[in-house]
Protein backbone atom coordinates (compact mmCIF):
# COMPACT_ATOMS: atom_id res chain seq x y z
CA MET A 1 109.55 124.60 115.38
CA ALA A 2 111.72 122.75 117.87
CA VAL A 3 115.11 121.56 116.65
CA MET A 4 115.50 117.79 116.80
CA ASP A 5 118.73 115.90 117.27
CA ARG A 6 117.29 112.58 116.07
CA PRO A 7 114.47 111.77 113.67
CA SER A 8 111.16 110.67 115.12
CA GLN A 9 110.81 107.00 116.00
CA ILE A 10 107.43 106.89 114.26
CA ILE A 11 106.67 108.85 111.09
CA GLU A 12 103.06 108.90 109.94
CA CYS A 13 102.55 108.47 106.18
CA GLY A 14 98.78 108.32 105.79
CA ASP A 15 97.88 104.65 105.21
CA PHE A 16 101.22 103.36 106.54
CA VAL A 17 103.88 104.39 109.06
CA LEU A 18 107.63 104.28 109.33
CA ARG A 19 108.55 102.81 112.71
CA ARG A 20 112.00 102.44 114.18
CA TRP A 21 112.99 98.79 114.34
CA ARG A 22 112.64 97.70 117.97
CA GLY A 23 115.60 95.35 118.27
CA GLN A 24 115.08 91.70 118.90
CA SER A 25 111.39 92.10 119.69
CA ASP A 26 110.95 92.67 115.92
CA PHE A 27 112.91 89.58 114.91
CA ALA A 28 110.02 87.39 113.82
CA GLN A 29 108.43 90.10 111.70
CA ALA A 30 111.75 91.25 110.19
CA PHE A 31 112.87 87.71 109.34
CA LYS A 32 109.51 86.87 107.73
CA LEU A 33 109.58 90.07 105.68
CA ILE A 34 113.04 89.22 104.37
CA GLU A 35 112.22 85.56 103.77
CA GLU A 36 109.12 86.50 101.74
CA SER A 37 111.10 89.10 99.75
CA LEU A 38 114.28 87.11 98.95
CA GLU A 39 113.61 86.36 95.29
CA HIS A 40 112.42 89.95 94.72
CA LEU A 41 115.55 91.38 96.37
CA ARG A 42 118.15 88.86 95.15
CA PRO A 43 118.96 90.65 91.82
CA TRP A 44 119.79 93.96 93.56
CA MET A 45 120.75 93.36 97.14
CA PRO A 46 124.06 91.41 97.55
CA TRP A 47 123.42 90.83 101.30
CA VAL A 48 120.59 88.47 100.40
CA ALA A 49 123.17 85.74 99.63
CA GLN A 50 124.11 85.70 103.34
CA HIS A 51 120.59 85.98 104.71
CA SER A 52 120.03 83.91 107.85
CA GLU A 53 118.42 84.15 111.29
CA THR A 54 121.79 85.15 112.73
CA ARG A 55 122.24 87.96 110.14
CA THR A 56 118.72 89.24 110.83
CA ARG A 57 119.36 89.30 114.61
CA ASP A 58 122.68 91.07 113.98
CA PHE A 59 120.95 93.65 111.75
CA LEU A 60 118.42 94.40 114.49
CA ALA A 61 121.12 94.64 117.19
CA LYS A 62 123.16 96.98 115.04
CA SER A 63 120.03 99.02 114.25
CA GLU A 64 119.61 99.62 117.98
CA SER A 65 123.22 100.59 118.70
CA ARG A 66 123.69 102.69 115.60
CA TRP A 67 120.44 104.57 116.22
CA ALA A 68 121.74 105.36 119.70
CA SER A 69 125.08 106.61 118.23
CA GLY A 70 123.38 108.62 115.49
CA GLU A 71 125.03 106.70 112.65
CA ILE A 72 122.01 104.95 111.06
CA TYR A 73 118.27 105.31 111.35
CA ASN A 74 116.50 102.15 110.20
CA TYR A 75 112.73 101.96 109.86
CA ALA A 76 110.18 99.29 109.13
CA VAL A 77 107.47 100.37 106.71
CA ILE A 78 104.33 99.19 108.49
CA LYS A 79 100.88 98.87 106.92
CA ASP A 80 97.91 97.41 108.77
CA GLY A 81 100.29 96.33 111.56
CA THR A 82 102.56 94.35 109.30
CA PRO A 83 106.06 95.26 108.03
CA ILE A 84 106.03 95.61 104.22
CA GLY A 85 109.52 97.01 103.71
CA MET A 86 112.40 98.97 105.10
CA VAL A 87 113.83 102.47 104.66
CA GLN A 88 117.02 103.80 106.22
CA THR A 89 119.34 106.70 106.28
CA TYR A 90 122.96 106.61 107.32
CA ARG A 91 125.90 109.03 107.52
CA GLY A 92 127.70 109.48 104.21
CA ALA A 93 131.36 110.33 103.63
CA GLU A 94 130.89 113.89 104.81
CA PRO A 95 129.36 114.68 108.18
CA GLN A 96 126.66 116.91 106.74
CA GLY A 97 125.64 114.34 104.12
CA TRP A 98 123.44 111.30 104.62
CA ARG A 99 122.62 108.38 102.28
CA MET A 100 119.26 106.70 102.01
CA GLY A 101 118.07 103.25 101.00
CA TYR A 102 114.74 101.42 100.66
CA TRP A 103 113.14 98.19 99.63
CA LEU A 104 109.66 96.66 99.77
CA HIS A 105 108.02 93.24 99.94
CA PRO A 106 107.05 92.36 96.34
CA ALA A 107 103.32 92.54 97.17
CA ALA A 108 103.79 96.21 98.17
CA ALA A 109 105.88 97.25 95.17
CA GLY A 110 104.47 99.42 92.41
CA GLN A 111 102.05 101.31 94.65
CA GLY A 112 104.10 104.44 95.35
CA ILE A 113 104.83 103.34 98.91
CA ALA A 114 108.63 103.45 98.52
CA THR A 115 108.43 106.94 97.07
CA ARG A 116 106.14 108.20 99.82
CA ALA A 117 108.20 106.50 102.58
CA THR A 118 111.40 108.03 101.22
CA ALA A 119 109.75 111.43 100.91
CA ALA A 120 108.66 111.26 104.53
CA LEU A 121 112.17 110.36 105.63
CA VAL A 122 113.62 113.20 103.52
CA THR A 123 111.32 115.67 105.32
CA GLU A 124 112.29 114.18 108.72
CA MET A 125 116.00 114.33 108.00
CA PHE A 126 115.91 117.94 106.81
CA ALA A 127 114.32 118.84 110.15
CA LEU A 128 117.66 117.94 111.76
CA PRO A 129 120.11 120.90 111.99
CA ASP A 130 123.24 119.16 110.67
CA VAL A 131 121.82 117.58 107.50
CA GLU A 132 122.78 119.64 104.43
CA TYR A 133 122.15 117.05 101.77
CA LEU A 134 120.75 113.59 101.20
CA GLU A 135 121.96 111.06 98.64
CA ILE A 136 120.47 107.90 97.14
CA THR A 137 122.63 105.46 95.24
CA HIS A 138 121.53 102.51 93.12
CA ASP A 139 123.04 100.29 90.52
CA LEU A 140 122.83 101.86 87.07
CA ALA A 141 120.92 98.78 85.84
CA ASN A 142 118.26 99.09 88.55
CA THR A 143 115.97 101.59 86.81
CA SER A 144 113.07 100.94 89.20
CA SER A 145 115.12 102.11 92.14
CA GLY A 146 116.27 105.16 90.18
CA ALA A 147 112.66 106.35 89.61
CA ILE A 148 112.33 107.27 93.29
CA PRO A 149 115.02 109.96 93.54
CA ARG A 150 113.93 111.33 90.15
CA ARG A 151 110.31 111.67 91.42
CA LEU A 152 111.48 113.38 94.60
CA GLY A 153 113.56 116.04 92.89
CA PHE A 154 117.01 114.59 93.51
CA THR A 155 119.62 115.39 90.86
CA ALA A 156 122.01 112.78 89.47
CA VAL A 157 125.43 114.09 90.46
CA GLY A 158 127.76 111.25 89.47
CA ARG A 159 128.57 107.62 89.18
CA GLU A 160 130.89 105.57 91.32
CA GLN A 161 132.18 102.02 91.52
CA ALA A 162 129.78 99.89 93.65
CA THR A 163 131.12 98.69 96.94
CA PRO A 164 131.79 94.93 96.62
CA PRO A 165 130.03 92.61 96.43
CA ALA A 166 128.12 93.86 93.42
CA ALA A 167 124.48 93.05 92.99
CA PRO A 168 123.98 89.90 90.87
CA SER A 169 121.94 91.76 88.23
CA GLY A 170 123.87 94.98 88.52
CA CYS A 171 126.63 96.40 86.35
CA GLY A 172 128.75 97.45 89.34
CA ILE A 173 128.35 101.17 88.74
CA ASP A 174 126.19 103.17 91.19
CA VAL A 175 124.33 106.28 90.18
CA VAL A 176 124.56 108.97 92.92
CA TRP A 177 121.54 111.24 93.36
CA ARG A 178 121.62 114.29 95.66
CA LEU A 179 119.02 116.57 97.18
CA ASN A 180 120.27 119.64 98.97
CA ARG A 181 118.56 121.15 102.03
CA PRO A 182 115.86 123.51 100.80
CA THR A 183 116.75 127.18 101.10
CA PRO A 184 114.50 128.91 103.62
CA PRO A 185 112.36 131.77 102.28
CA ILE A 186 113.72 135.30 102.67
CA ASN A 187 111.20 137.64 104.32
CA GLY A 188 108.41 135.16 103.58
CA ALA A 189 109.18 135.03 99.82
CA PRO A 190 110.33 131.85 98.16
CA ALA A 191 114.01 131.70 97.24
CA PRO A 192 114.78 132.56 93.59
């Protein structure tokens, strides 16, 4: 298997795909997705309070430059040609660790899409040579978001003070989940 230095720009997930955001050419679709998801996201995403056309354009511009620098990989979750959510991974505090995030349009929630999209991105990130572990954080009160790392085999490794501003429905404490790079089999046998 060839070693990659960046994740794929398109990741197939069966009935949907993860596709790298394409800068300003994706503005209309990204803005509409956020607009239609505002009330669904407002309790858990502090950035929603500052949502605007300018902020969406800035997000897309930063997505382009940070992809190029290898800091952040942002994807649209696309089903039937329409964005239904976002997933991302970005460098954590340590160079070998990355953090992940996700959210969906309310009409797409509850169908396992966020779990499958996150699983696909986990696989993609562990194909990179310098990724030793992945982390997901969510507010302790956001139990729906916490179900995803649990389903994917992440382990809760701690709690930390949320970075301000706190989510309106949150308690201000983030649960940190971690998944370490799988150990390769020894001589074709699974690791103990």
